[in-house]
N, C-alpha and C. Protein backbone atom coordinates (compact mmCIF):
# COMPACT_ATOMS: atom_id res chain seq x y z
N MET A 1 65.13 -43.47 -48.03
CA MET A 1 65.91 -42.27 -47.85
C MET A 1 67.36 -42.69 -47.53
N ARG A 2 68.28 -42.22 -48.33
CA ARG A 2 69.69 -42.60 -48.17
C ARG A 2 70.40 -41.58 -47.29
N LEU A 3 71.18 -42.07 -46.32
CA LEU A 3 71.91 -41.24 -45.39
C LEU A 3 73.42 -41.45 -45.53
N VAL A 4 74.18 -40.39 -45.31
CA VAL A 4 75.63 -40.47 -45.16
C VAL A 4 75.96 -39.87 -43.80
N LEU A 5 76.81 -40.57 -43.04
CA LEU A 5 77.23 -40.12 -41.72
C LEU A 5 78.73 -39.92 -41.73
N THR A 6 79.17 -38.76 -41.29
CA THR A 6 80.59 -38.47 -41.19
C THR A 6 80.83 -37.57 -39.99
N THR A 7 82.08 -37.42 -39.62
CA THR A 7 82.47 -36.58 -38.50
C THR A 7 83.98 -36.40 -38.51
N ASP A 8 84.46 -35.51 -37.70
CA ASP A 8 85.90 -35.34 -37.48
C ASP A 8 86.69 -35.23 -38.78
N THR A 9 86.25 -34.33 -39.64
CA THR A 9 86.94 -34.15 -40.92
C THR A 9 88.24 -33.36 -40.75
N HIS A 10 88.31 -32.47 -39.78
CA HIS A 10 89.55 -31.77 -39.41
C HIS A 10 90.30 -31.17 -40.60
N LEU A 11 89.55 -30.54 -41.53
CA LEU A 11 90.22 -29.93 -42.67
C LEU A 11 90.60 -28.48 -42.35
N PRO A 12 91.71 -28.02 -42.78
CA PRO A 12 92.73 -28.66 -43.61
C PRO A 12 93.90 -29.25 -42.81
N LYS A 13 93.72 -29.44 -41.50
CA LYS A 13 94.83 -29.92 -40.68
C LYS A 13 95.18 -31.38 -40.93
N ARG A 14 94.20 -32.26 -40.99
CA ARG A 14 94.46 -33.70 -41.13
C ARG A 14 94.48 -34.16 -42.59
N ALA A 15 93.90 -33.37 -43.46
CA ALA A 15 93.90 -33.65 -44.90
C ALA A 15 93.61 -32.34 -45.60
N LYS A 16 93.98 -32.27 -46.87
CA LYS A 16 93.72 -31.06 -47.64
C LYS A 16 92.30 -31.01 -48.18
N GLN A 17 91.71 -32.21 -48.39
CA GLN A 17 90.35 -32.28 -48.90
C GLN A 17 89.71 -33.59 -48.46
N LEU A 18 88.41 -33.66 -48.60
CA LEU A 18 87.69 -34.89 -48.28
C LEU A 18 88.01 -35.95 -49.33
N PRO A 19 88.06 -37.22 -48.93
CA PRO A 19 88.35 -38.29 -49.89
C PRO A 19 87.28 -38.39 -50.98
N GLU A 20 87.71 -38.71 -52.18
CA GLU A 20 86.79 -38.82 -53.33
C GLU A 20 85.62 -39.77 -53.09
N PRO A 21 85.83 -40.98 -52.49
CA PRO A 21 84.67 -41.85 -52.28
C PRO A 21 83.58 -41.21 -51.41
N LEU A 22 83.98 -40.42 -50.42
CA LEU A 22 83.00 -39.73 -49.59
C LEU A 22 82.33 -38.61 -50.37
N LEU A 23 83.10 -37.84 -51.10
CA LEU A 23 82.53 -36.77 -51.93
C LEU A 23 81.51 -37.32 -52.92
N ALA A 24 81.80 -38.50 -53.47
CA ALA A 24 80.90 -39.11 -54.44
C ALA A 24 79.57 -39.53 -53.82
N GLU A 25 79.55 -39.76 -52.51
CA GLU A 25 78.32 -40.15 -51.82
C GLU A 25 77.34 -38.98 -51.66
N PHE A 26 77.85 -37.76 -51.56
CA PHE A 26 77.00 -36.62 -51.22
C PHE A 26 75.83 -36.41 -52.17
N PRO A 27 76.03 -36.41 -53.49
CA PRO A 27 74.89 -36.17 -54.37
C PRO A 27 73.84 -37.29 -54.33
N ARG A 28 74.25 -38.48 -53.91
CA ARG A 28 73.32 -39.62 -53.84
C ARG A 28 72.54 -39.67 -52.53
N ALA A 29 72.94 -38.86 -51.56
CA ALA A 29 72.32 -38.89 -50.23
C ALA A 29 71.16 -37.91 -50.14
N ASP A 30 70.13 -38.32 -49.44
CA ASP A 30 69.04 -37.41 -49.13
C ASP A 30 69.41 -36.52 -47.95
N VAL A 31 70.16 -37.08 -46.99
CA VAL A 31 70.59 -36.34 -45.81
C VAL A 31 72.02 -36.75 -45.48
N VAL A 32 72.86 -35.76 -45.16
CA VAL A 32 74.22 -36.00 -44.69
C VAL A 32 74.32 -35.48 -43.26
N PHE A 33 74.76 -36.36 -42.36
CA PHE A 33 75.00 -36.00 -40.97
C PHE A 33 76.50 -35.76 -40.78
N HIS A 34 76.84 -34.69 -40.07
CA HIS A 34 78.24 -34.41 -39.71
C HIS A 34 78.25 -34.09 -38.22
N ALA A 35 78.97 -34.91 -37.44
CA ALA A 35 78.95 -34.80 -35.98
C ALA A 35 80.10 -33.97 -35.41
N GLY A 36 80.54 -32.96 -36.15
CA GLY A 36 81.46 -31.98 -35.58
C GLY A 36 82.93 -32.20 -35.85
N ASP A 37 83.71 -31.21 -35.43
CA ASP A 37 85.13 -31.07 -35.73
C ASP A 37 85.36 -30.98 -37.24
N TRP A 38 84.67 -29.99 -37.81
CA TRP A 38 84.87 -29.62 -39.20
C TRP A 38 86.22 -28.93 -39.34
N VAL A 39 86.51 -28.03 -38.40
CA VAL A 39 87.68 -27.17 -38.26
C VAL A 39 87.61 -25.95 -39.18
N ASP A 40 87.25 -26.11 -40.44
CA ASP A 40 87.15 -24.93 -41.31
C ASP A 40 85.73 -24.78 -41.84
N SER A 41 85.33 -23.54 -42.05
CA SER A 41 84.00 -23.25 -42.58
C SER A 41 83.84 -23.70 -44.03
N ALA A 42 84.94 -23.80 -44.75
CA ALA A 42 84.87 -24.21 -46.16
C ALA A 42 84.27 -25.61 -46.31
N THR A 43 84.52 -26.48 -45.35
CA THR A 43 83.95 -27.83 -45.41
C THR A 43 82.44 -27.78 -45.25
N LEU A 44 81.95 -26.97 -44.34
CA LEU A 44 80.50 -26.79 -44.20
C LEU A 44 79.92 -26.19 -45.47
N ASP A 45 80.59 -25.20 -46.04
CA ASP A 45 80.13 -24.60 -47.30
C ASP A 45 80.05 -25.66 -48.40
N LEU A 46 81.06 -26.51 -48.48
CA LEU A 46 81.09 -27.57 -49.49
C LEU A 46 79.91 -28.52 -49.33
N LEU A 47 79.66 -28.97 -48.11
CA LEU A 47 78.54 -29.88 -47.89
C LEU A 47 77.21 -29.21 -48.20
N GLU A 48 77.06 -27.96 -47.79
CA GLU A 48 75.80 -27.26 -48.08
C GLU A 48 75.59 -27.08 -49.57
N ALA A 49 76.67 -26.94 -50.33
CA ALA A 49 76.55 -26.78 -51.79
C ALA A 49 76.27 -28.10 -52.49
N ARG A 50 76.81 -29.20 -51.98
CA ARG A 50 76.71 -30.49 -52.68
C ARG A 50 75.62 -31.41 -52.17
N CYS A 51 75.09 -31.13 -51.01
CA CYS A 51 74.14 -32.06 -50.38
C CYS A 51 72.74 -31.49 -50.36
N ARG A 52 71.75 -32.34 -50.47
CA ARG A 52 70.36 -31.90 -50.41
C ARG A 52 70.02 -31.32 -49.04
N ARG A 53 70.51 -32.01 -48.00
CA ARG A 53 70.25 -31.57 -46.62
C ARG A 53 71.43 -31.97 -45.76
N VAL A 54 71.90 -31.05 -44.92
CA VAL A 54 72.98 -31.31 -43.98
C VAL A 54 72.44 -31.12 -42.57
N VAL A 55 72.67 -32.10 -41.72
CA VAL A 55 72.37 -32.00 -40.30
C VAL A 55 73.71 -32.08 -39.59
N GLY A 56 74.15 -30.97 -39.04
CA GLY A 56 75.47 -30.93 -38.45
C GLY A 56 75.51 -30.20 -37.13
N VAL A 57 76.59 -30.44 -36.38
CA VAL A 57 76.84 -29.79 -35.11
C VAL A 57 78.31 -29.35 -35.08
N TYR A 58 78.62 -28.48 -34.14
CA TYR A 58 80.03 -28.12 -33.97
C TYR A 58 80.69 -29.06 -32.96
N GLY A 59 82.01 -29.18 -33.08
CA GLY A 59 82.79 -29.99 -32.16
C GLY A 59 83.75 -29.14 -31.37
N ASN A 60 84.54 -29.79 -30.53
CA ASN A 60 85.46 -29.08 -29.64
C ASN A 60 86.57 -28.34 -30.38
N ASN A 61 86.88 -28.73 -31.62
CA ASN A 61 87.91 -28.05 -32.41
C ASN A 61 87.36 -27.00 -33.36
N ASP A 62 86.08 -26.73 -33.27
CA ASP A 62 85.45 -25.75 -34.16
C ASP A 62 85.37 -24.39 -33.49
N GLY A 63 85.82 -23.38 -34.22
CA GLY A 63 85.90 -22.03 -33.69
C GLY A 63 84.61 -21.25 -33.80
N PRO A 64 84.70 -19.96 -33.50
CA PRO A 64 83.51 -19.09 -33.46
C PRO A 64 82.70 -19.05 -34.76
N ALA A 65 83.36 -19.10 -35.91
CA ALA A 65 82.61 -19.02 -37.18
C ALA A 65 81.69 -20.22 -37.35
N LEU A 66 82.17 -21.41 -37.04
CA LEU A 66 81.32 -22.60 -37.15
C LEU A 66 80.29 -22.65 -36.03
N ARG A 67 80.67 -22.24 -34.85
CA ARG A 67 79.72 -22.24 -33.73
C ARG A 67 78.57 -21.26 -33.97
N ALA A 68 78.82 -20.23 -34.75
CA ALA A 68 77.76 -19.28 -35.09
C ALA A 68 76.75 -19.88 -36.07
N ARG A 69 77.19 -20.88 -36.84
CA ARG A 69 76.33 -21.47 -37.87
C ARG A 69 75.71 -22.81 -37.48
N LEU A 70 76.27 -23.46 -36.46
CA LEU A 70 75.85 -24.81 -36.11
C LEU A 70 75.50 -24.91 -34.63
N PRO A 71 74.56 -25.78 -34.28
CA PRO A 71 74.24 -25.99 -32.87
C PRO A 71 75.19 -27.00 -32.22
N GLU A 72 75.16 -27.07 -30.91
CA GLU A 72 75.91 -28.11 -30.19
C GLU A 72 75.23 -29.46 -30.35
N VAL A 73 73.91 -29.46 -30.38
CA VAL A 73 73.10 -30.67 -30.57
C VAL A 73 72.07 -30.37 -31.65
N ALA A 74 71.91 -31.29 -32.57
CA ALA A 74 70.90 -31.14 -33.63
C ALA A 74 69.93 -32.32 -33.58
N TYR A 75 68.71 -32.05 -34.02
CA TYR A 75 67.68 -33.07 -34.06
C TYR A 75 67.04 -33.07 -35.44
N ALA A 76 66.66 -34.25 -35.90
CA ALA A 76 65.96 -34.38 -37.17
C ALA A 76 65.08 -35.62 -37.12
N GLU A 77 63.87 -35.50 -37.61
CA GLU A 77 63.01 -36.68 -37.75
C GLU A 77 62.91 -36.98 -39.24
N LEU A 78 63.27 -38.20 -39.60
CA LEU A 78 63.28 -38.63 -40.99
C LEU A 78 62.42 -39.88 -41.13
N ASP A 79 61.33 -39.75 -41.82
CA ASP A 79 60.42 -40.87 -42.08
C ASP A 79 60.10 -41.64 -40.80
N GLY A 80 59.86 -40.89 -39.72
CA GLY A 80 59.46 -41.50 -38.46
C GLY A 80 60.59 -41.91 -37.55
N VAL A 81 61.85 -41.78 -37.98
CA VAL A 81 63.00 -42.11 -37.14
C VAL A 81 63.55 -40.79 -36.58
N ARG A 82 63.67 -40.73 -35.26
CA ARG A 82 64.12 -39.51 -34.58
C ARG A 82 65.64 -39.58 -34.34
N PHE A 83 66.37 -38.64 -34.93
CA PHE A 83 67.82 -38.58 -34.82
C PHE A 83 68.23 -37.44 -33.90
N ALA A 84 69.30 -37.67 -33.16
CA ALA A 84 70.01 -36.62 -32.44
C ALA A 84 71.46 -36.69 -32.90
N VAL A 85 72.12 -35.54 -32.95
CA VAL A 85 73.53 -35.47 -33.36
C VAL A 85 74.26 -34.63 -32.33
N VAL A 86 75.41 -35.13 -31.87
CA VAL A 86 76.25 -34.42 -30.92
C VAL A 86 77.69 -34.84 -31.17
N HIS A 87 78.62 -34.00 -30.83
CA HIS A 87 80.02 -34.36 -31.06
C HIS A 87 80.55 -35.28 -29.97
N GLU A 88 80.44 -34.88 -28.73
CA GLU A 88 81.09 -35.56 -27.62
C GLU A 88 80.09 -36.33 -26.77
N THR A 89 80.40 -37.58 -26.45
CA THR A 89 79.53 -38.39 -25.58
C THR A 89 80.24 -38.89 -24.33
N GLY A 90 81.51 -38.54 -24.14
CA GLY A 90 82.23 -39.01 -22.97
C GLY A 90 82.88 -40.36 -23.20
N PRO A 91 83.41 -40.96 -22.13
CA PRO A 91 84.14 -42.23 -22.25
C PRO A 91 83.26 -43.36 -22.79
N ALA A 92 83.91 -44.33 -23.40
CA ALA A 92 83.18 -45.48 -23.96
C ALA A 92 82.43 -46.25 -22.87
N GLN A 93 83.06 -46.42 -21.72
CA GLN A 93 82.40 -47.15 -20.64
C GLN A 93 81.18 -46.38 -20.15
N GLY A 94 80.03 -47.00 -20.20
CA GLY A 94 78.79 -46.37 -19.76
C GLY A 94 78.13 -45.48 -20.79
N ARG A 95 78.67 -45.45 -22.01
CA ARG A 95 78.15 -44.55 -23.05
C ARG A 95 76.68 -44.80 -23.35
N GLU A 96 76.28 -46.05 -23.51
CA GLU A 96 74.90 -46.34 -23.89
C GLU A 96 73.91 -45.81 -22.86
N ALA A 97 74.15 -46.10 -21.58
CA ALA A 97 73.23 -45.65 -20.54
C ALA A 97 73.22 -44.12 -20.44
N ARG A 98 74.40 -43.52 -20.51
CA ARG A 98 74.51 -42.06 -20.42
C ARG A 98 73.76 -41.38 -21.56
N CYS A 99 73.94 -41.90 -22.78
CA CYS A 99 73.29 -41.28 -23.94
C CYS A 99 71.79 -41.55 -23.96
N ALA A 100 71.37 -42.72 -23.52
CA ALA A 100 69.93 -43.01 -23.45
C ALA A 100 69.25 -42.06 -22.48
N ALA A 101 69.92 -41.72 -21.39
CA ALA A 101 69.35 -40.78 -20.42
C ALA A 101 69.35 -39.36 -20.99
N ARG A 102 70.39 -38.99 -21.73
CA ARG A 102 70.51 -37.63 -22.25
C ARG A 102 69.59 -37.39 -23.45
N PHE A 103 69.32 -38.45 -24.24
CA PHE A 103 68.52 -38.32 -25.46
C PHE A 103 67.33 -39.28 -25.42
N PRO A 104 66.42 -39.11 -24.45
CA PRO A 104 65.33 -40.07 -24.29
C PRO A 104 64.33 -40.09 -25.44
N ASP A 105 64.28 -39.01 -26.23
CA ASP A 105 63.31 -38.94 -27.32
C ASP A 105 63.91 -39.28 -28.68
N ALA A 106 65.15 -39.77 -28.69
CA ALA A 106 65.81 -40.12 -29.95
C ALA A 106 65.79 -41.62 -30.16
N ASP A 107 65.74 -42.01 -31.43
CA ASP A 107 65.88 -43.41 -31.82
C ASP A 107 67.33 -43.72 -32.20
N VAL A 108 68.02 -42.71 -32.75
CA VAL A 108 69.39 -42.86 -33.22
C VAL A 108 70.19 -41.64 -32.77
N LEU A 109 71.39 -41.90 -32.24
CA LEU A 109 72.32 -40.84 -31.89
C LEU A 109 73.55 -40.98 -32.77
N VAL A 110 73.86 -39.92 -33.53
CA VAL A 110 75.07 -39.86 -34.35
C VAL A 110 76.06 -38.99 -33.57
N PHE A 111 77.27 -39.52 -33.34
CA PHE A 111 78.25 -38.77 -32.57
C PHE A 111 79.64 -38.95 -33.15
N GLY A 112 80.59 -38.19 -32.63
CA GLY A 112 81.96 -38.23 -33.12
C GLY A 112 82.96 -38.16 -31.99
N HIS A 113 84.01 -37.41 -32.19
CA HIS A 113 85.06 -37.06 -31.25
C HIS A 113 86.17 -38.11 -31.13
N SER A 114 85.84 -39.36 -30.99
CA SER A 114 86.86 -40.38 -30.73
C SER A 114 87.60 -40.85 -31.98
N HIS A 115 87.01 -40.64 -33.14
CA HIS A 115 87.52 -41.15 -34.42
C HIS A 115 87.44 -42.68 -34.48
N ILE A 116 86.72 -43.28 -33.56
CA ILE A 116 86.58 -44.74 -33.49
C ILE A 116 85.16 -45.11 -33.93
N PRO A 117 85.02 -45.88 -34.99
CA PRO A 117 83.68 -46.31 -35.40
C PRO A 117 82.96 -47.04 -34.27
N TRP A 118 81.66 -46.79 -34.19
CA TRP A 118 80.88 -47.34 -33.08
C TRP A 118 79.47 -47.62 -33.58
N ASP A 119 78.93 -48.77 -33.23
CA ASP A 119 77.56 -49.13 -33.59
C ASP A 119 77.03 -50.05 -32.51
N THR A 120 76.29 -49.49 -31.57
CA THR A 120 75.69 -50.28 -30.50
C THR A 120 74.26 -49.81 -30.28
N THR A 121 73.54 -50.58 -29.50
CA THR A 121 72.18 -50.23 -29.13
C THR A 121 72.07 -50.27 -27.61
N ALA A 122 71.58 -49.19 -27.04
CA ALA A 122 71.40 -49.09 -25.59
C ALA A 122 70.16 -49.87 -25.16
N PRO A 123 70.14 -50.32 -23.92
CA PRO A 123 68.88 -50.87 -23.39
C PRO A 123 67.80 -49.80 -23.57
N GLY A 124 66.67 -50.19 -24.08
CA GLY A 124 65.63 -49.23 -24.38
C GLY A 124 65.56 -48.89 -25.86
N GLY A 125 66.64 -49.25 -26.61
CA GLY A 125 66.56 -49.15 -28.06
C GLY A 125 67.32 -48.04 -28.75
N LEU A 126 67.94 -47.09 -28.04
CA LEU A 126 68.70 -46.03 -28.71
C LEU A 126 69.89 -46.63 -29.44
N ARG A 127 69.96 -46.38 -30.75
CA ARG A 127 71.09 -46.83 -31.57
C ARG A 127 72.14 -45.74 -31.57
N LEU A 128 73.38 -46.09 -31.24
CA LEU A 128 74.49 -45.14 -31.20
C LEU A 128 75.42 -45.42 -32.36
N LEU A 129 75.67 -44.41 -33.19
CA LEU A 129 76.52 -44.56 -34.37
C LEU A 129 77.60 -43.49 -34.41
N ASN A 130 78.84 -43.93 -34.50
CA ASN A 130 79.96 -43.03 -34.75
C ASN A 130 80.61 -43.53 -36.03
N PRO A 131 80.63 -42.70 -37.07
CA PRO A 131 81.19 -43.15 -38.35
C PRO A 131 82.71 -43.11 -38.43
N GLY A 132 83.41 -42.79 -37.34
CA GLY A 132 84.86 -42.65 -37.40
C GLY A 132 85.21 -41.36 -38.12
N SER A 133 86.39 -41.31 -38.70
CA SER A 133 86.83 -40.11 -39.41
C SER A 133 87.28 -40.47 -40.82
N PRO A 134 86.88 -39.68 -41.82
CA PRO A 134 87.33 -39.95 -43.19
C PRO A 134 88.74 -39.42 -43.48
N THR A 135 89.31 -38.68 -42.54
CA THR A 135 90.60 -38.03 -42.81
C THR A 135 91.67 -38.29 -41.75
N ASP A 136 91.28 -38.77 -40.57
CA ASP A 136 92.23 -38.95 -39.46
C ASP A 136 91.90 -40.24 -38.72
N ARG A 137 92.55 -41.32 -39.10
CA ARG A 137 92.21 -42.63 -38.54
C ARG A 137 92.72 -42.83 -37.12
N ARG A 138 93.63 -41.99 -36.69
CA ARG A 138 94.26 -42.12 -35.37
C ARG A 138 94.75 -43.55 -35.18
N ARG A 139 94.25 -44.24 -34.18
CA ARG A 139 94.73 -45.61 -33.91
C ARG A 139 93.92 -46.69 -34.63
N GLN A 140 93.08 -46.28 -35.55
CA GLN A 140 92.26 -47.23 -36.30
C GLN A 140 92.99 -47.68 -37.56
N PRO A 141 92.65 -48.85 -38.09
CA PRO A 141 93.34 -49.32 -39.29
C PRO A 141 92.97 -48.55 -40.56
N HIS A 142 91.78 -47.91 -40.57
CA HIS A 142 91.31 -47.23 -41.77
C HIS A 142 90.58 -45.94 -41.41
N CYS A 143 90.59 -44.99 -42.31
CA CYS A 143 89.66 -43.87 -42.25
C CYS A 143 88.30 -44.40 -42.70
N THR A 144 87.22 -43.84 -42.14
CA THR A 144 85.90 -44.42 -42.38
C THR A 144 84.80 -43.37 -42.44
N TYR A 145 83.65 -43.79 -42.95
CA TYR A 145 82.39 -43.07 -42.87
C TYR A 145 81.29 -44.13 -42.93
N MET A 146 80.03 -43.74 -42.71
CA MET A 146 78.91 -44.68 -42.73
C MET A 146 77.85 -44.24 -43.73
N THR A 147 77.09 -45.21 -44.20
CA THR A 147 75.86 -44.95 -44.93
C THR A 147 74.76 -45.77 -44.28
N ALA A 148 73.52 -45.36 -44.50
CA ALA A 148 72.37 -46.07 -43.95
C ALA A 148 71.15 -45.70 -44.77
N THR A 149 70.07 -46.40 -44.51
CA THR A 149 68.79 -46.14 -45.16
C THR A 149 67.72 -45.99 -44.09
N VAL A 150 66.80 -45.07 -44.32
CA VAL A 150 65.61 -44.92 -43.49
C VAL A 150 64.41 -45.15 -44.39
N ALA A 151 63.55 -46.05 -43.96
CA ALA A 151 62.32 -46.31 -44.71
C ALA A 151 61.27 -46.86 -43.76
N ASP A 152 60.06 -46.37 -43.89
CA ASP A 152 58.93 -46.86 -43.11
C ASP A 152 59.21 -46.89 -41.61
N GLY A 153 59.88 -45.84 -41.11
CA GLY A 153 60.13 -45.74 -39.69
C GLY A 153 61.25 -46.61 -39.16
N LEU A 154 62.07 -47.16 -40.06
CA LEU A 154 63.17 -48.03 -39.64
C LEU A 154 64.49 -47.57 -40.22
N LEU A 155 65.54 -47.69 -39.42
CA LEU A 155 66.90 -47.48 -39.89
C LEU A 155 67.46 -48.83 -40.30
N THR A 156 67.91 -48.94 -41.55
CA THR A 156 68.43 -50.21 -42.05
C THR A 156 69.71 -49.98 -42.84
N ASP A 157 70.32 -51.06 -43.24
CA ASP A 157 71.48 -51.04 -44.13
C ASP A 157 72.61 -50.15 -43.61
N VAL A 158 72.84 -50.14 -42.30
CA VAL A 158 73.95 -49.35 -41.75
C VAL A 158 75.25 -50.02 -42.17
N GLN A 159 76.09 -49.29 -42.89
CA GLN A 159 77.36 -49.84 -43.37
C GLN A 159 78.50 -48.90 -43.03
N LEU A 160 79.58 -49.49 -42.52
CA LEU A 160 80.81 -48.75 -42.29
C LEU A 160 81.67 -48.92 -43.54
N HIS A 161 82.11 -47.81 -44.11
CA HIS A 161 82.92 -47.84 -45.33
C HIS A 161 84.36 -47.48 -44.99
N ARG A 162 85.26 -48.35 -45.37
CA ARG A 162 86.70 -48.11 -45.19
C ARG A 162 87.23 -47.37 -46.40
N LEU A 163 87.99 -46.34 -46.15
CA LEU A 163 88.58 -45.56 -47.24
C LEU A 163 89.98 -46.05 -47.54
N PRO A 164 90.40 -45.96 -48.81
CA PRO A 164 91.75 -46.40 -49.15
C PRO A 164 92.79 -45.49 -48.50
N PRO A 165 93.97 -46.02 -48.22
CA PRO A 165 95.02 -45.19 -47.65
C PRO A 165 95.35 -44.01 -48.55
N ARG A 166 95.71 -42.90 -47.96
CA ARG A 166 96.06 -41.72 -48.74
C ARG A 166 97.54 -41.76 -49.11
């Protein structure tokens, strides 16, 4: 099962549209995760039209229209791997322990907010993944997103993809 992970798209404020390499991933993915800060409902509509399945949450920059359609926290079990998705996890220091306590039944936590790619594992095994942002790199050298594979109860092939400068 092929996964695409993205977050913090901030359309149309940070970009007018999603980058072509990310758009090209959607039809190939079985599931697309979006960890919030969509900003406009049109981006959610686009993902729902182009993707087989979207697992998304709202972020701190998402208004009432998106909050009416999306939860603050989402859960999905894919081929035996339990995912949780949330926008905000707090400061980097202590993140693993804090998230392991908050999501004890998850194997993988997909999160956003910082625009900083993140891939760590908490004591106890919770994998924390932040795909960065495909449209707003902030202090990072590149805009980014992630892909991964789930098979036989395992998350594998987690890759951070750097997008070309706009």
